[in-house]
Protein backbone atom coordinates (compact mmCIF):
# COMPACT_ATOMS: atom_id res chain seq x y z
CA MET A 1 82.57 20.72 1.58
CA ILE A 2 83.46 20.46 -2.12
CA GLU A 3 86.05 17.81 -2.91
CA LEU A 4 88.95 18.33 -5.31
CA GLU A 5 87.61 15.63 -7.64
CA GLU A 6 84.34 17.56 -8.02
CA ILE A 7 86.22 20.77 -8.87
CA HIS A 8 88.38 18.91 -11.38
CA ARG A 9 85.30 17.33 -13.03
CA SER A 10 83.56 20.71 -13.11
CA LYS A 11 86.57 22.30 -14.82
CA HIS A 12 86.58 19.60 -17.51
CA SER A 13 82.84 19.94 -18.03
CA ALA A 14 83.23 23.69 -18.51
CA THR A 15 86.03 23.20 -21.04
CA LEU A 16 83.97 20.69 -23.01
CA GLU A 17 80.87 22.90 -22.91
CA ASN A 18 82.91 25.88 -24.15
CA LEU A 19 84.23 23.86 -27.09
CA LEU A 20 80.77 22.54 -27.92
CA MET A 21 79.22 26.03 -27.72
CA LEU A 22 82.00 27.37 -29.96
CA TRP A 23 81.23 24.61 -32.46
CA ALA A 24 77.48 25.25 -32.27
CA GLU A 25 77.98 28.98 -32.84
CA SER A 26 80.13 28.27 -35.88
CA MET A 27 77.51 25.85 -37.24
CA ARG A 28 74.81 28.51 -36.94
CA GLY A 29 76.96 31.00 -38.81
CA GLY A 30 78.35 32.61 -35.66
CA ASP A 31 79.71 36.09 -35.44
CA PHE A 32 83.28 35.29 -36.31
CA GLU A 33 85.20 38.12 -37.90
CA ILE A 34 86.90 36.91 -41.07
CA GLY A 35 89.01 39.21 -43.21
CA PHE A 36 90.47 42.57 -42.36
CA PRO A 37 89.95 43.98 -38.87
CA LYS A 38 87.41 46.76 -38.46
CA GLU A 39 89.85 48.99 -36.62
CA SER A 40 93.37 49.36 -37.90
CA THR A 41 96.16 51.62 -36.87
CA CYS A 42 98.93 49.68 -38.60
CA PHE A 43 99.54 46.33 -40.24
CA LEU A 44 101.73 43.71 -38.64
CA ALA A 45 103.61 41.06 -40.59
CA ALA A 46 100.59 38.76 -40.76
CA GLY A 47 98.09 41.55 -41.45
CA LYS A 48 96.72 41.58 -37.90
CA THR A 49 96.34 44.68 -35.81
CA HIS A 50 95.36 43.40 -32.39
CA SER A 51 95.03 40.24 -30.32
CA GLU A 52 91.28 39.89 -30.88
CA ASP A 53 91.94 38.93 -34.49
CA TRP A 54 94.27 36.18 -33.34
CA TRP A 55 91.63 34.88 -30.92
CA ASP A 56 89.03 34.91 -33.69
CA GLU A 57 91.32 32.83 -35.89
CA LEU A 58 91.93 30.40 -33.03
CA ASP A 59 88.17 30.08 -32.43
CA ILE A 60 87.55 29.35 -36.11
CA HIS A 61 90.35 26.78 -36.11
CA ASN A 62 89.06 25.08 -32.94
CA ALA A 63 85.47 25.05 -34.23
CA SER A 64 86.69 23.40 -37.43
CA ILE A 65 88.49 20.70 -35.45
CA MET A 66 85.41 20.18 -33.29
CA ASN A 67 83.31 19.76 -36.44
CA THR A 68 85.67 17.05 -37.67
CA ILE A 69 85.57 15.29 -34.28
CA ILE A 70 81.76 15.40 -34.17
CA ASN A 71 81.42 14.21 -37.76
CA ASP A 72 83.58 11.18 -36.91
CA LEU A 73 81.20 10.07 -34.12
CA PRO A 74 78.83 7.15 -34.69
CA GLU A 75 75.55 8.36 -36.18
CA TYR A 76 73.43 8.06 -33.02
CA GLN A 77 76.00 10.01 -30.96
CA ARG A 78 76.39 12.67 -33.65
CA MET A 79 72.60 13.06 -33.79
CA ALA A 80 72.43 13.42 -29.99
CA ILE A 81 75.04 16.22 -30.10
CA ASN A 82 73.22 17.90 -33.01
CA PHE A 83 69.95 17.76 -31.10
CA GLU A 84 71.44 19.06 -27.84
CA TYR A 85 73.42 21.96 -29.33
CA LEU A 86 71.70 22.76 -32.63
CA GLY A 87 68.13 21.64 -32.00
CA ASN A 88 68.20 19.22 -34.95
CA ILE A 89 65.32 16.76 -34.38
CA CYS A 90 66.43 13.98 -36.74
CA ILE A 91 67.32 11.81 -33.70
CA TYR A 92 63.74 10.63 -33.55
CA LYS A 93 64.25 8.64 -36.76
CA LEU A 94 66.10 5.93 -34.81
CA THR A 95 64.23 3.32 -32.79
CA ASP A 96 65.49 2.06 -29.42
CA PHE A 97 67.56 5.21 -29.09
CA ASP A 98 68.70 6.25 -25.60
CA TYR A 99 69.36 9.96 -26.06
CA LEU A 100 71.01 10.61 -22.68
CA ASP A 101 73.30 7.60 -22.99
CA ALA A 102 74.31 8.57 -26.53
CA LEU A 103 74.95 12.17 -25.45
CA HIS A 104 77.07 11.03 -22.49
CA HIS A 105 79.20 8.70 -24.61
CA ALA A 106 79.55 11.29 -27.36
CA LYS A 107 80.88 13.84 -24.89
CA ILE A 108 83.42 11.32 -23.57
CA LYS A 109 84.66 10.62 -27.11
CA ILE A 110 84.75 14.32 -27.98
CA GLU A 111 86.80 15.07 -24.87
CA GLU A 112 89.29 12.30 -25.72
CA LYS A 113 89.69 13.46 -29.32
CA ALA A 114 89.93 17.14 -28.35
CA LYS A 115 92.82 16.31 -26.04
CA ILE A 116 94.54 14.32 -28.81
CA LYS A 117 94.02 17.18 -31.30
CA GLY A 118 95.46 19.69 -28.83
CA ILE A 119 92.43 21.97 -28.48
CA TRP A 120 91.60 20.98 -24.87
């Protein structure tokens, strides 16, 4: 039987993974739509025609906040995140580097900061 604590932990892991994947997609160039919508039937006050444009803007905003959070991590944790989500292999430049430990601690810090920044 699955306990409530396991479900709660799984929910938080999924939220964190979604934020990290959003960040990774934005770092690779992503497929964010910036500018005018492709389909338009009318213009609203802010120049948006449908809710997808609002979600795109929110994704771009959240990815930008995630980038700031990740850039503020200590170097070894930032390199572990970059390796895990972007495939950047510069982590091997450090000696006595415990990748899994650094990744674990980086995710804890990212989760804390994401909650503070209001994107959780």
